[in-house]
Structure formats: structure tokens, C-alpha cells
Amino acid sequence: MREFSLRMIDGTELQVYEWSEVKDPIAIVQLVHGASEYMLRYDDFAKRMNAKGIVVVGDDHRGHGKTAQLHHLPFGFFANHHGWDKIVNDEKLVNDYIQKKYQNLPIFMLGHSMGSFMARTYAIKYSETINGLIVMGTGEHSTLACNSLGTIARIDQLIFGPKRQDKLIWKTTFAPLNKAYAKIGNANGNEWLTRDVDIQLEFKNNPLNAGCFTTSAFKDLTDGMKFVAQKKHIKLMRQDLPIFLVAGDRDPVGNYGKMVEKVQSKFISLGYKSKIKIYPNLRHEILNEPEKLEVDRDLVEFINQNL
């Protein structure tokens, strides 16, 4: 694995990771990670993809992982203004790097959790730059819900500034994700992620996991969720873009599969070539569940079908 920095348009240095232990690569996965985590959590998955002939490239987003450390900025902070646009446009520059280095190889964008909303936004803006879209662990929220939360975040930002960790919004959005598992003995708060207790505890204890978002990041996230839910925006994706929605049926982010099926129905109604698979008993991080090799096989099959 190679680790390096890429300079963004505004001068921000993004920490990027490239897994390329592949003799004759068939494709690239541009991986877009989720909220409060960092790219090296996908090291095992990336190595498994390398074994299938697939290179993996991804970055620590602004406010996450080593990118946040490099700039000595709060974890969970994107920018004072237009943060969602910035983190999505950052992915375009990562894509430019991939296109330049791996000319003529197909690129499949895989976005997980918050990264799924980023990837959906990216596909609306830049679908010509990718050969397929894998949407993992996504959700779907009404304009009213997004506007309500966004208004609270905007008011909080006016009062407290953009870099303050907003624990009140966190308690009403992220904390309830573990509600279904709260009665488990010695619950650590991360049971909703995966059944693997070691990974739950690693997520809880690793300082590179960002924890609570800032007020401005909550504002940005609600802007992104609202944007991708609107059909007038979805229709901007190229019509022949292959799409694969994947999630666990025990994932609260997608309301246990219901929201994911809603996204699929919306794609199909607009004429997109989209497929879906909901995995029984799997929680949010399907790449960290005991059935992860089954998920790998489905992802590789989708990629091979669309080379």
C-alpha cells in the first residue's frame, strides 16, 4: 500500500491511499469512506480486492483521519462554508489522479454510509468519469427532515461557530443508531456497525475515528442528503450508468433495508440500470461482517459484468 498527499484546489492536502499489489489489474475501485472513520479501516478489503485483480484508491476526507491531523483541524469539520461541495469535488481530483495513472482501466466508485451520499452526489455531477456506482449502507430522507435538521445546524453555527462539536445534534442523529442493540450486555455503543466485537471496540478506541461532527459538518451532510434524494438531480446522471445498491437488513442507517429499497425504486422509476441486494442479518458495515466474502463475490461479479 502506498500513502501520499494530493493537493486540492484550495490548497488542502488530502491523505490518499493506494493498494496496487496487482500484476494485471482489470479495474479500479475508488473507495469513499463513511462518517467519523478513515481509509485504513478498509485495508483488509482492499487487499482482498487486489487478490481479484482490482486496484483500490481512497482518501481520508477533510475532517477525517490523517487529513485532519495534517491540518490540525477538528475532526468532523469540512469547511466553514460549502463543505459538502468541497468533499465531493475532492473526489473528482482523486479520480483525476486515477485516470492519469491507470489510463483505460474502468473505475468503479464505491461509497459507504456517508460516503454513499458523497458517491451519489459525485455520480450526479461527474457520472462520465466512472464506469459503475456501488452504493453501500445508504439511506433516504425527506426534504422536510433535512431542512429541519439543517436549520438547527445553521442556527447553531451562527451562535457557536462552524468548528464546535455539536453533541446535541449527534445525540438525536447518530447516537440512536445503536438503539436496537442497547440492551445487549456490556454494550459499547457500536453494535450497530457489525457483529464483530473486535471491530466494534477498535472503532470505539482508535483516535483516528472522528467521533462527533461539528455543527457545520451536520449542516453540510443534511445538504448532501437532501440533494441526492431529489429526482431533478438524480436525472443528471448518465442514463447508462450501472448501479449496485447493497446493505444489511439489520442496518439502521437504511432503516433495515426499507430506505435502500426506496432509493432503488426511485432509480428504476427514472430508467436506470440499477440492481439491489439486501443481506440477511448483516448490520451497517457489511465489509466487516462474517459474510464479507459473500459481499466481495457480489461486488467483483458486478464489476466483471460491467467492464
C-alpha atoms as a PDB file:
ATOM      1  CA  MET A   1       0.000   0.000   0.000  1.00  0.00           C
ATOM      2  CA  ARG A   2       1.262   3.458  -0.935  1.00  0.00           C
ATOM      3  CA  GLU A   3       0.345   6.513   1.134  1.00  0.00           C
ATOM      4  CA  PHE A   4       0.741  10.042  -0.202  1.00  0.00           C
ATOM      5  CA  SER A   5      -0.827  13.512  -0.285  1.00  0.00           C
ATOM      6  CA  LEU A   6      -2.784  15.213  -3.058  1.00  0.00           C
ATOM      7  CA  ARG A   7      -3.224  18.979  -3.135  1.00  0.00           C
ATOM      8  CA  MET A   8      -6.804  20.124  -3.637  1.00  0.00           C
ATOM      9  CA  ILE A   9      -7.902  23.283  -5.485  1.00  0.00           C
ATOM     10  CA  ASP A  10      -7.930  25.369  -2.288  1.00  0.00           C
ATOM     11  CA  GLY A  11      -4.523  24.085  -1.173  1.00  0.00           C
ATOM     12  CA  THR A  12      -5.792  21.463   1.264  1.00  0.00           C
ATOM     13  CA  GLU A  13      -3.604  18.359   1.366  1.00  0.00           C
ATOM     14  CA  LEU A  14      -5.682  15.186   1.223  1.00  0.00           C
ATOM     15  CA  GLN A  15      -4.132  11.955   2.525  1.00  0.00           C
ATOM     16  CA  VAL A  16      -4.570   9.265  -0.129  1.00  0.00           C
ATOM     17  CA  TYR A  17      -4.022   5.501  -0.036  1.00  0.00           C
ATOM     18  CA  GLU A  18      -3.391   3.220  -2.994  1.00  0.00           C
ATOM     19  CA  TRP A  19      -3.489  -0.573  -2.865  1.00  0.00           C
ATOM     20  CA  SER A  20      -1.948  -1.766  -6.135  1.00  0.00           C
ATOM     21  CA  GLU A  21      -0.361  -5.155  -5.447  1.00  0.00           C
ATOM     22  CA  VAL A  22      -1.820  -6.397  -8.730  1.00  0.00           C
ATOM     23  CA  LYS A  23       0.120  -7.755 -11.692  1.00  0.00           C
ATOM     24  CA  ASP A  24      -2.530  -7.262 -14.393  1.00  0.00           C
ATOM     25  CA  PRO A  25      -5.315  -5.069 -12.985  1.00  0.00           C
ATOM     26  CA  ILE A  26      -8.766  -5.303 -14.526  1.00  0.00           C
ATOM     27  CA  ALA A  27     -10.373  -2.332 -12.760  1.00  0.00           C
ATOM     28  CA  ILE A  28     -10.050   0.342 -10.096  1.00  0.00           C
ATOM     29  CA  VAL A  29     -12.295   0.821  -7.081  1.00  0.00           C
ATOM     30  CA  GLN A  30     -12.358   4.429  -5.930  1.00  0.00           C
ATOM     31  CA  LEU A  31     -13.431   3.966  -2.330  1.00  0.00           C
ATOM     32  CA  VAL A  32     -15.265   6.732  -0.445  1.00  0.00           C
ATOM     33  CA  HIS A  33     -15.400   6.074   3.301  1.00  0.00           C
ATOM     34  CA  GLY A  34     -18.073   6.999   5.809  1.00  0.00           C
ATOM     35  CA  ALA A  35     -18.515   9.496   8.633  1.00  0.00           C
ATOM     36  CA  SER A  36     -16.099   9.585  11.552  1.00  0.00           C
ATOM     37  CA  GLU A  37     -13.816   6.877  10.154  1.00  0.00           C
ATOM     38  CA  TYR A  38     -10.688   6.725   7.981  1.00  0.00           C
ATOM     39  CA  MET A  39      -9.478   4.870   4.911  1.00  0.00           C
ATOM     40  CA  LEU A  40      -7.117   2.393   6.547  1.00  0.00           C
ATOM     41  CA  ARG A  41     -10.141   0.682   8.109  1.00  0.00           C
ATOM     42  CA  TYR A  42     -10.589  -0.787   4.611  1.00  0.00           C
ATOM     43  CA  ASP A  43      -7.101  -2.291   4.434  1.00  0.00           C
ATOM     44  CA  ASP A  44      -8.305  -5.915   4.572  1.00  0.00           C
ATOM     45  CA  PHE A  45     -10.995  -5.292   1.959  1.00  0.00           C
ATOM     46  CA  ALA A  46      -8.528  -3.552  -0.355  1.00  0.00           C
ATOM     47  CA  LYS A  47      -6.102  -6.462  -0.107  1.00  0.00           C
ATOM     48  CA  ARG A  48      -8.914  -8.879  -0.911  1.00  0.00           C
ATOM     49  CA  MET A  49      -9.742  -6.804  -3.991  1.00  0.00           C
ATOM     50  CA  ASN A  50      -6.076  -6.810  -5.029  1.00  0.00           C
ATOM     51  CA  ALA A  51      -6.231 -10.608  -4.981  1.00  0.00           C
ATOM     52  CA  LYS A  52      -9.088 -10.354  -7.505  1.00  0.00           C
ATOM     53  CA  GLY A  53      -7.110  -8.079  -9.825  1.00  0.00           C
ATOM     54  CA  ILE A  54      -8.694  -4.832  -8.639  1.00  0.00           C
ATOM     55  CA  VAL A  55      -6.705  -1.782  -7.515  1.00  0.00           C
ATOM     56  CA  VAL A  56      -8.210   0.286  -4.677  1.00  0.00           C
ATOM     57  CA  VAL A  57      -7.649   4.018  -4.180  1.00  0.00           C
ATOM     58  CA  GLY A  58      -9.233   6.195  -1.498  1.00  0.00           C
ATOM     59  CA  ASP A  59      -8.622   9.177   0.755  1.00  0.00           C
ATOM     60  CA  ASP A  60      -9.187  10.401   4.277  1.00  0.00           C
ATOM     61  CA  HIS A  61     -11.810  13.115   3.779  1.00  0.00           C
ATOM     62  CA  ARG A  62     -11.478  16.601   5.191  1.00  0.00           C
ATOM     63  CA  GLY A  63     -12.022  16.382   8.941  1.00  0.00           C
ATOM     64  CA  HIS A  64     -11.095  12.709   8.989  1.00  0.00           C
ATOM     65  CA  GLY A  65      -8.059  10.549   9.659  1.00  0.00           C
ATOM     66  CA  LYS A  66      -4.643  11.829   8.715  1.00  0.00           C
ATOM     67  CA  THR A  67      -6.088  14.605   6.550  1.00  0.00           C
ATOM     68  CA  ALA A  68      -7.454  16.212   9.727  1.00  0.00           C
ATOM     69  CA  GLN A  69      -4.161  15.602  11.537  1.00  0.00           C
ATOM     70  CA  LEU A  70      -2.142  17.225   8.760  1.00  0.00           C
ATOM     71  CA  HIS A  71      -4.059  20.495   9.099  1.00  0.00           C
ATOM     72  CA  HIS A  72      -4.510  20.431  12.883  1.00  0.00           C
ATOM     73  CA  LEU A  73      -8.240  20.970  12.388  1.00  0.00           C
ATOM     74  CA  PRO A  74     -11.095  19.485  14.415  1.00  0.00           C
ATOM     75  CA  PHE A  75     -12.207  16.018  13.498  1.00  0.00           C
ATOM     76  CA  GLY A  76     -15.621  16.093  11.864  1.00  0.00           C
ATOM     77  CA  PHE A  77     -15.077  19.511  10.220  1.00  0.00           C
ATOM     78  CA  PHE A  78     -15.137  20.014   6.429  1.00  0.00           C
ATOM     79  CA  ALA A  79     -15.144  23.775   5.867  1.00  0.00           C
ATOM     80  CA  ASN A  80     -16.732  26.992   7.110  1.00  0.00           C
ATOM     81  CA  HIS A  81     -18.951  27.127   4.038  1.00  0.00           C
ATOM     82  CA  HIS A  82     -19.909  24.789   1.153  1.00  0.00           C
ATOM     83  CA  GLY A  83     -18.295  21.824   2.866  1.00  0.00           C
ATOM     84  CA  TRP A  84     -20.339  19.199   1.004  1.00  0.00           C
ATOM     85  CA  ASP A  85     -19.324  20.570  -2.383  1.00  0.00           C
ATOM     86  CA  LYS A  86     -15.697  20.575  -1.282  1.00  0.00           C
ATOM     87  CA  ILE A  87     -15.528  16.971  -0.096  1.00  0.00           C
ATOM     88  CA  VAL A  88     -17.339  15.748  -3.222  1.00  0.00           C
ATOM     89  CA  ASN A  89     -15.160  17.824  -5.538  1.00  0.00           C
ATOM     90  CA  ASP A  90     -12.109  16.441  -3.730  1.00  0.00           C
ATOM     91  CA  GLU A  91     -13.155  13.035  -5.055  1.00  0.00           C
ATOM     92  CA  LYS A  92     -13.003  14.437  -8.592  1.00  0.00           C
ATOM     93  CA  LEU A  93      -9.322  15.286  -8.084  1.00  0.00           C
ATOM     94  CA  VAL A  94      -8.676  11.793  -6.699  1.00  0.00           C
ATOM     95  CA  ASN A  95     -10.455  10.467  -9.780  1.00  0.00           C
ATOM     96  CA  ASP A  96      -8.232  12.660 -11.982  1.00  0.00           C
ATOM     97  CA  TYR A  97      -5.189  11.063 -10.358  1.00  0.00           C
ATOM     98  CA  ILE A  98      -6.570   7.577 -11.044  1.00  0.00           C
ATOM     99  CA  GLN A  99      -7.432   8.429 -14.647  1.00  0.00           C
ATOM    100  CA  LYS A 100      -3.909   9.731 -15.273  1.00  0.00           C
ATOM    101  CA  LYS A 101      -2.097   6.787 -13.677  1.00  0.00           C
ATOM    102  CA  TYR A 102      -4.389   3.960 -14.810  1.00  0.00           C
ATOM    103  CA  GLN A 103      -5.345   5.051 -18.300  1.00  0.00           C
ATOM    104  CA  ASN A 104      -8.055   2.990 -19.996  1.00  0.00           C
ATOM    105  CA  LEU A 105      -8.875   0.963 -16.858  1.00  0.00           C
ATOM    106  CA  PRO A 106     -12.525   1.170 -15.736  1.00  0.00           C
ATOM    107  CA  ILE A 107     -13.222   2.955 -12.441  1.00  0.00           C
ATOM    108  CA  PHE A 108     -15.996   1.868 -10.081  1.00  0.00           C
ATOM    109  CA  MET A 109     -16.854   4.259  -7.258  1.00  0.00           C
ATOM    110  CA  LEU A 110     -17.833   2.548  -4.001  1.00  0.00           C
ATOM    111  CA  GLY A 111     -19.302   4.799  -1.335  1.00  0.00           C
ATOM    112  CA  HIS A 112     -20.124   3.533   2.151  1.00  0.00           C
ATOM    113  CA  SER A 113     -22.502   5.224   4.629  1.00  0.00           C
ATOM    114  CA  MET A 114     -21.842   8.991   4.442  1.00  0.00           C
ATOM    115  CA  GLY A 115     -19.599   8.042   1.544  1.00  0.00           C
ATOM    116  CA  SER A 116     -22.661   6.586  -0.197  1.00  0.00           C
ATOM    117  CA  PHE A 117     -24.278  10.036  -0.176  1.00  0.00           C
ATOM    118  CA  MET A 118     -20.997  11.520  -1.411  1.00  0.00           C
ATOM    119  CA  ALA A 119     -20.784   8.920  -4.186  1.00  0.00           C
ATOM    120  CA  ARG A 120     -24.402   9.558  -5.190  1.00  0.00           C
ATOM    121  CA  THR A 121     -23.668  13.295  -5.356  1.00  0.00           C
ATOM    122  CA  TYR A 122     -20.494  12.595  -7.321  1.00  0.00           C
ATOM    123  CA  ALA A 123     -22.408  10.468  -9.837  1.00  0.00           C
ATOM    124  CA  ILE A 124     -24.913  13.275 -10.361  1.00  0.00           C
ATOM    125  CA  LYS A 125     -22.088  15.722 -11.098  1.00  0.00           C
ATOM    126  CA  TYR A 126     -19.442  13.537 -12.717  1.00  0.00           C
ATOM    127  CA  SER A 127     -21.006  10.267 -13.914  1.00  0.00           C
ATOM    128  CA  GLU A 128     -18.946  10.352 -17.121  1.00  0.00           C
ATOM    129  CA  THR A 129     -15.786   9.766 -15.061  1.00  0.00           C
ATOM    130  CA  ILE A 130     -16.840   6.398 -13.599  1.00  0.00           C
ATOM    131  CA  ASN A 131     -17.858   3.080 -15.135  1.00  0.00           C
ATOM    132  CA  GLY A 132     -20.120   1.992 -12.292  1.00  0.00           C
ATOM    133  CA  LEU A 133     -21.507   3.088  -8.935  1.00  0.00           C
ATOM    134  CA  ILE A 134     -21.671   0.907  -5.815  1.00  0.00           C
ATOM    135  CA  VAL A 135     -23.881   2.408  -3.103  1.00  0.00           C
ATOM    136  CA  MET A 136     -23.290   0.705   0.250  1.00  0.00           C
ATOM    137  CA  GLY A 137     -25.144   1.307   3.511  1.00  0.00           C
ATOM    138  CA  THR A 138     -27.111   4.295   2.263  1.00  0.00           C
ATOM    139  CA  GLY A 139     -30.336   5.937   3.409  1.00  0.00           C
ATOM    140  CA  GLU A 140     -33.064   8.240   2.112  1.00  0.00           C
ATOM    141  CA  HIS A 141     -34.513  11.210   3.986  1.00  0.00           C
ATOM    142  CA  SER A 142     -37.303  13.623   3.169  1.00  0.00           C
ATOM    143  CA  THR A 143     -36.693  17.235   2.245  1.00  0.00           C
ATOM    144  CA  LEU A 144     -38.637  18.261   5.365  1.00  0.00           C
ATOM    145  CA  ALA A 145     -36.407  16.187   7.667  1.00  0.00           C
ATOM    146  CA  CYS A 146     -33.228  17.501   6.019  1.00  0.00           C
ATOM    147  CA  ASN A 147     -34.441  21.103   6.118  1.00  0.00           C
ATOM    148  CA  SER A 148     -35.387  20.818   9.787  1.00  0.00           C
ATOM    149  CA  LEU A 149     -32.014  19.423  10.848  1.00  0.00           C
ATOM    150  CA  GLY A 150     -30.183  21.788   8.517  1.00  0.00           C
ATOM    151  CA  THR A 151     -31.944  24.803  10.037  1.00  0.00           C
ATOM    152  CA  ILE A 152     -30.924  23.750  13.545  1.00  0.00           C
ATOM    153  CA  ALA A 153     -27.326  23.293  12.382  1.00  0.00           C
ATOM    154  CA  ARG A 154     -27.282  26.694  10.683  1.00  0.00           C
ATOM    155  CA  ILE A 155     -28.595  28.413  13.812  1.00  0.00           C
ATOM    156  CA  ASP A 156     -26.027  26.579  15.942  1.00  0.00           C
ATOM    157  CA  GLN A 157     -23.272  27.643  13.557  1.00  0.00           C
ATOM    158  CA  LEU A 158     -24.326  31.289  13.789  1.00  0.00           C
ATOM    159  CA  ILE A 159     -24.257  31.101  17.596  1.00  0.00           C
ATOM    160  CA  PHE A 160     -21.283  28.834  18.276  1.00  0.00           C
ATOM    161  CA  GLY A 161     -19.242  28.936  15.076  1.00  0.00           C
ATOM    162  CA  PRO A 162     -18.521  26.221  12.484  1.00  0.00           C
ATOM    163  CA  LYS A 163     -15.900  24.180  14.362  1.00  0.00           C
ATOM    164  CA  ARG A 164     -17.785  23.347  17.545  1.00  0.00           C
ATOM    165  CA  GLN A 165     -18.641  19.685  18.020  1.00  0.00           C
ATOM    166  CA  ASP A 166     -22.435  19.600  18.081  1.00  0.00           C
ATOM    167  CA  LYS A 167     -23.227  16.964  20.677  1.00  0.00           C
ATOM    168  CA  LEU A 168     -26.941  17.841  20.741  1.00  0.00           C
ATOM    169  CA  ILE A 169     -27.438  17.046  17.057  1.00  0.00           C
ATOM    170  CA  TRP A 170     -25.190  13.997  17.446  1.00  0.00           C
ATOM    171  CA  LYS A 171     -27.425  12.654  20.213  1.00  0.00           C
ATOM    172  CA  THR A 172     -30.510  12.986  18.011  1.00  0.00           C
ATOM    173  CA  THR A 173     -28.975  11.539  14.824  1.00  0.00           C
ATOM    174  CA  PHE A 174     -26.015   9.198  15.300  1.00  0.00           C
ATOM    175  CA  ALA A 175     -26.478   8.025  18.892  1.00  0.00           C
ATOM    176  CA  PRO A 176     -29.917   6.436  18.238  1.00  0.00           C
ATOM    177  CA  LEU A 177     -28.393   4.163  15.587  1.00  0.00           C
ATOM    178  CA  ASN A 178     -27.469   1.736  18.378  1.00  0.00           C
ATOM    179  CA  LYS A 179     -30.937   1.761  19.945  1.00  0.00           C
ATOM    180  CA  ALA A 180     -31.824  -1.749  18.749  1.00  0.00           C
ATOM    181  CA  TYR A 181     -28.679  -3.119  20.397  1.00  0.00           C
ATOM    182  CA  ALA A 182     -28.624  -1.037  23.572  1.00  0.00           C
ATOM    183  CA  LYS A 183     -29.920  -3.886  25.741  1.00  0.00           C
ATOM    184  CA  ILE A 184     -27.017  -6.175  24.844  1.00  0.00           C
ATOM    185  CA  GLY A 185     -24.942  -6.937  27.926  1.00  0.00           C
ATOM    186  CA  ASN A 186     -21.904  -4.640  28.211  1.00  0.00           C
ATOM    187  CA  ALA A 187     -22.958  -2.740  25.094  1.00  0.00           C
ATOM    188  CA  ASN A 188     -20.156  -0.484  23.792  1.00  0.00           C
ATOM    189  CA  GLY A 189     -22.364   1.718  21.582  1.00  0.00           C
ATOM    190  CA  ASN A 190     -21.036   0.389  18.285  1.00  0.00           C
ATOM    191  CA  GLU A 191     -23.002  -2.845  17.991  1.00  0.00           C
ATOM    192  CA  TRP A 192     -24.950  -1.359  15.066  1.00  0.00           C
ATOM    193  CA  LEU A 193     -21.794  -1.381  12.935  1.00  0.00           C
ATOM    194  CA  THR A 194     -21.046  -5.127  12.847  1.00  0.00           C
ATOM    195  CA  ARG A 195     -21.393  -8.325  14.851  1.00  0.00           C
ATOM    196  CA  ASP A 196     -17.594  -8.464  15.147  1.00  0.00           C
ATOM    197  CA  VAL A 197     -16.892  -7.241  18.700  1.00  0.00           C
ATOM    198  CA  ASP A 198     -13.187  -6.665  17.990  1.00  0.00           C
ATOM    199  CA  ILE A 199     -14.071  -4.225  15.199  1.00  0.00           C
ATOM    200  CA  GLN A 200     -16.651  -2.526  17.415  1.00  0.00           C
ATOM    201  CA  LEU A 201     -14.013  -1.910  20.080  1.00  0.00           C
ATOM    202  CA  GLU A 202     -11.369  -0.835  17.558  1.00  0.00           C
ATOM    203  CA  PHE A 203     -13.775   1.771  16.222  1.00  0.00           C
ATOM    204  CA  LYS A 204     -14.518   2.983  19.735  1.00  0.00           C
ATOM    205  CA  ASN A 205     -10.899   3.236  20.869  1.00  0.00           C
ATOM    206  CA  ASN A 206      -8.967   4.328  17.781  1.00  0.00           C
ATOM    207  CA  PRO A 207      -8.169   8.070  17.962  1.00  0.00           C
ATOM    208  CA  LEU A 208      -8.366   8.368  14.154  1.00  0.00           C
ATOM    209  CA  ASN A 209     -12.109   7.777  14.312  1.00  0.00           C
ATOM    210  CA  ALA A 210     -13.516  11.280  14.321  1.00  0.00           C
ATOM    211  CA  GLY A 211     -16.366  10.923  16.810  1.00  0.00           C
ATOM    212  CA  CYS A 212     -18.863  13.775  16.976  1.00  0.00           C
ATOM    213  CA  PHE A 213     -19.334  16.000  13.909  1.00  0.00           C
ATOM    214  CA  THR A 214     -19.084  19.775  14.067  1.00  0.00           C
ATOM    215  CA  THR A 215     -22.142  21.943  13.553  1.00  0.00           C
ATOM    216  CA  SER A 216     -21.027  22.956  10.055  1.00  0.00           C
ATOM    217  CA  ALA A 217     -20.482  19.308   9.047  1.00  0.00           C
ATOM    218  CA  PHE A 218     -24.011  18.407  10.135  1.00  0.00           C
ATOM    219  CA  LYS A 219     -25.244  21.308   8.009  1.00  0.00           C
ATOM    220  CA  ASP A 220     -23.189  20.015   5.064  1.00  0.00           C
ATOM    221  CA  LEU A 221     -24.354  16.424   5.496  1.00  0.00           C
ATOM    222  CA  THR A 222     -28.034  17.403   5.519  1.00  0.00           C
ATOM    223  CA  ASP A 223     -27.458  19.474   2.375  1.00  0.00           C
ATOM    224  CA  GLY A 224     -25.965  16.405   0.693  1.00  0.00           C
ATOM    225  CA  MET A 225     -28.726  14.040   1.791  1.00  0.00           C
ATOM    226  CA  LYS A 226     -31.373  16.440   0.518  1.00  0.00           C
ATOM    227  CA  PHE A 227     -29.569  16.928  -2.806  1.00  0.00           C
ATOM    228  CA  VAL A 228     -29.296  13.220  -3.679  1.00  0.00           C
ATOM    229  CA  ALA A 229     -32.944  12.489  -2.830  1.00  0.00           C
ATOM    230  CA  GLN A 230     -34.367  14.859  -5.431  1.00  0.00           C
ATOM    231  CA  LYS A 231     -35.304  13.339  -8.774  1.00  0.00           C
ATOM    232  CA  LYS A 232     -34.388  16.501 -10.669  1.00  0.00           C
ATOM    233  CA  HIS A 233     -30.802  15.952  -9.536  1.00  0.00           C
ATOM    234  CA  ILE A 234     -30.731  12.177  -9.972  1.00  0.00           C
ATOM    235  CA  LYS A 235     -31.759  12.602 -13.622  1.00  0.00           C
ATOM    236  CA  LEU A 236     -28.455  14.390 -14.269  1.00  0.00           C
ATOM    237  CA  MET A 237     -26.592  11.048 -14.029  1.00  0.00           C
ATOM    238  CA  ARG A 238     -25.899   9.448 -17.382  1.00  0.00           C
ATOM    239  CA  GLN A 239     -28.703   7.025 -18.160  1.00  0.00           C
ATOM    240  CA  ASP A 240     -26.480   4.001 -18.811  1.00  0.00           C
ATOM    241  CA  LEU A 241     -24.529   4.147 -15.525  1.00  0.00           C
ATOM    242  CA  PRO A 242     -24.524   0.686 -13.878  1.00  0.00           C
ATOM    243  CA  ILE A 243     -25.603   0.955 -10.220  1.00  0.00           C
ATOM    244  CA  PHE A 244     -25.477  -1.621  -7.428  1.00  0.00           C
ATOM    245  CA  LEU A 245     -27.149  -0.942  -4.063  1.00  0.00           C
ATOM    246  CA  VAL A 246     -26.002  -3.161  -1.186  1.00  0.00           C
ATOM    247  CA  ALA A 247     -26.871  -3.138   2.520  1.00  0.00           C
ATOM    248  CA  GLY A 248     -27.631  -5.338   5.504  1.00  0.00           C
ATOM    249  CA  ASP A 249     -31.193  -5.865   6.680  1.00  0.00           C
ATOM    250  CA  ARG A 250     -30.046  -5.078  10.243  1.00  0.00           C
ATOM    251  CA  ASP A 251     -28.580  -1.705   9.260  1.00  0.00           C
ATOM    252  CA  PRO A 252     -30.365   1.199  11.000  1.00  0.00           C
ATOM    253  CA  VAL A 253     -28.881   3.784   8.599  1.00  0.00           C
ATOM    254  CA  GLY A 254     -31.094   2.399   5.825  1.00  0.00           C
ATOM    255  CA  ASN A 255     -33.998   1.699   8.213  1.00  0.00           C
ATOM    256  CA  TYR A 256     -33.240  -2.008   7.998  1.00  0.00           C
ATOM    257  CA  GLY A 257     -33.371  -2.087   4.212  1.00  0.00           C
ATOM    258  CA  LYS A 258     -36.532  -0.023   3.711  1.00  0.00           C
ATOM    259  CA  MET A 259     -34.739   3.196   2.727  1.00  0.00           C
ATOM    260  CA  VAL A 260     -32.392   1.318   0.410  1.00  0.00           C
ATOM    261  CA  GLU A 261     -35.363  -0.225  -1.384  1.00  0.00           C
ATOM    262  CA  LYS A 262     -36.851   3.267  -1.682  1.00  0.00           C
ATOM    263  CA  VAL A 263     -33.677   4.518  -3.383  1.00  0.00           C
ATOM    264  CA  GLN A 264     -33.757   1.514  -5.728  1.00  0.00           C
ATOM    265  CA  SER A 265     -37.387   2.192  -6.641  1.00  0.00           C
ATOM    266  CA  LYS A 266     -36.519   5.792  -7.415  1.00  0.00           C
ATOM    267  CA  PHE A 267     -33.623   4.759  -9.677  1.00  0.00           C
ATOM    268  CA  ILE A 268     -35.772   2.207 -11.509  1.00  0.00           C
ATOM    269  CA  SER A 269     -38.601   4.705 -11.969  1.00  0.00           C
ATOM    270  CA  LEU A 270     -36.128   7.033 -13.684  1.00  0.00           C
ATOM    271  CA  GLY A 271     -34.948   4.301 -16.034  1.00  0.00           C
ATOM    272  CA  TYR A 272     -31.570   3.496 -14.505  1.00  0.00           C
ATOM    273  CA  LYS A 273     -29.824   0.128 -14.788  1.00  0.00           C
ATOM    274  CA  SER A 274     -29.784  -0.486 -11.047  1.00  0.00           C
ATOM    275  CA  LYS A 275     -29.677  -3.701  -9.022  1.00  0.00           C
ATOM    276  CA  ILE A 276     -30.024  -4.262  -5.294  1.00  0.00           C
ATOM    277  CA  LYS A 277     -29.064  -6.852  -2.701  1.00  0.00           C
ATOM    278  CA  ILE A 278     -30.079  -6.756   0.953  1.00  0.00           C
ATOM    279  CA  TYR A 279     -28.093  -9.247   3.046  1.00  0.00           C
ATOM    280  CA  PRO A 280     -29.977 -11.079   5.829  1.00  0.00           C
ATOM    281  CA  ASN A 281     -28.679 -10.489   9.377  1.00  0.00           C
ATOM    282  CA  LEU A 282     -25.874  -8.127   8.311  1.00  0.00           C
ATOM    283  CA  ARG A 283     -25.507  -4.782  10.058  1.00  0.00           C
ATOM    284  CA  HIS A 284     -24.114  -1.484   8.770  1.00  0.00           C
ATOM    285  CA  GLU A 285     -20.534  -2.420   7.844  1.00  0.00           C
ATOM    286  CA  ILE A 286     -21.175  -5.353   5.541  1.00  0.00           C
ATOM    287  CA  LEU A 287     -17.474  -5.483   4.631  1.00  0.00           C
ATOM    288  CA  ASN A 288     -16.711  -6.220   8.295  1.00  0.00           C
ATOM    289  CA  GLU A 289     -19.323  -8.908   8.859  1.00  0.00           C
ATOM    290  CA  PRO A 290     -18.610 -12.685   8.945  1.00  0.00           C
ATOM    291  CA  GLU A 291     -20.242 -12.925   5.484  1.00  0.00           C
ATOM    292  CA  LYS A 292     -17.853 -10.376   3.965  1.00  0.00           C
ATOM    293  CA  LEU A 293     -16.531 -12.841   1.366  1.00  0.00           C
ATOM    294  CA  GLU A 294     -20.047 -13.244   0.007  1.00  0.00           C
ATOM    295  CA  VAL A 295     -20.246  -9.471  -0.323  1.00  0.00           C
ATOM    296  CA  ASP A 296     -16.836  -9.448  -2.040  1.00  0.00           C
ATOM    297  CA  ARG A 297     -18.034 -12.018  -4.574  1.00  0.00           C
ATOM    298  CA  ASP A 298     -21.103  -9.939  -5.410  1.00  0.00           C
ATOM    299  CA  LEU A 299     -19.046  -6.760  -5.833  1.00  0.00           C
ATOM    300  CA  VAL A 300     -16.486  -8.474  -8.053  1.00  0.00           C
ATOM    301  CA  GLU A 301     -19.273 -10.032 -10.122  1.00  0.00           C
ATOM    302  CA  PHE A 302     -20.859  -6.595 -10.627  1.00  0.00           C
ATOM    303  CA  ILE A 303     -17.507  -5.153 -11.674  1.00  0.00           C
ATOM    304  CA  ASN A 304     -16.779  -8.012 -14.086  1.00  0.00           C
ATOM    305  CA  GLN A 305     -20.242  -7.704 -15.624  1.00  0.00           C
ATOM    306  CA  ASN A 306     -19.601  -4.026 -16.406  1.00  0.00           C
ATOM    307  CA  LEU A 307     -16.014  -3.999 -17.640  1.00  0.00           C
END
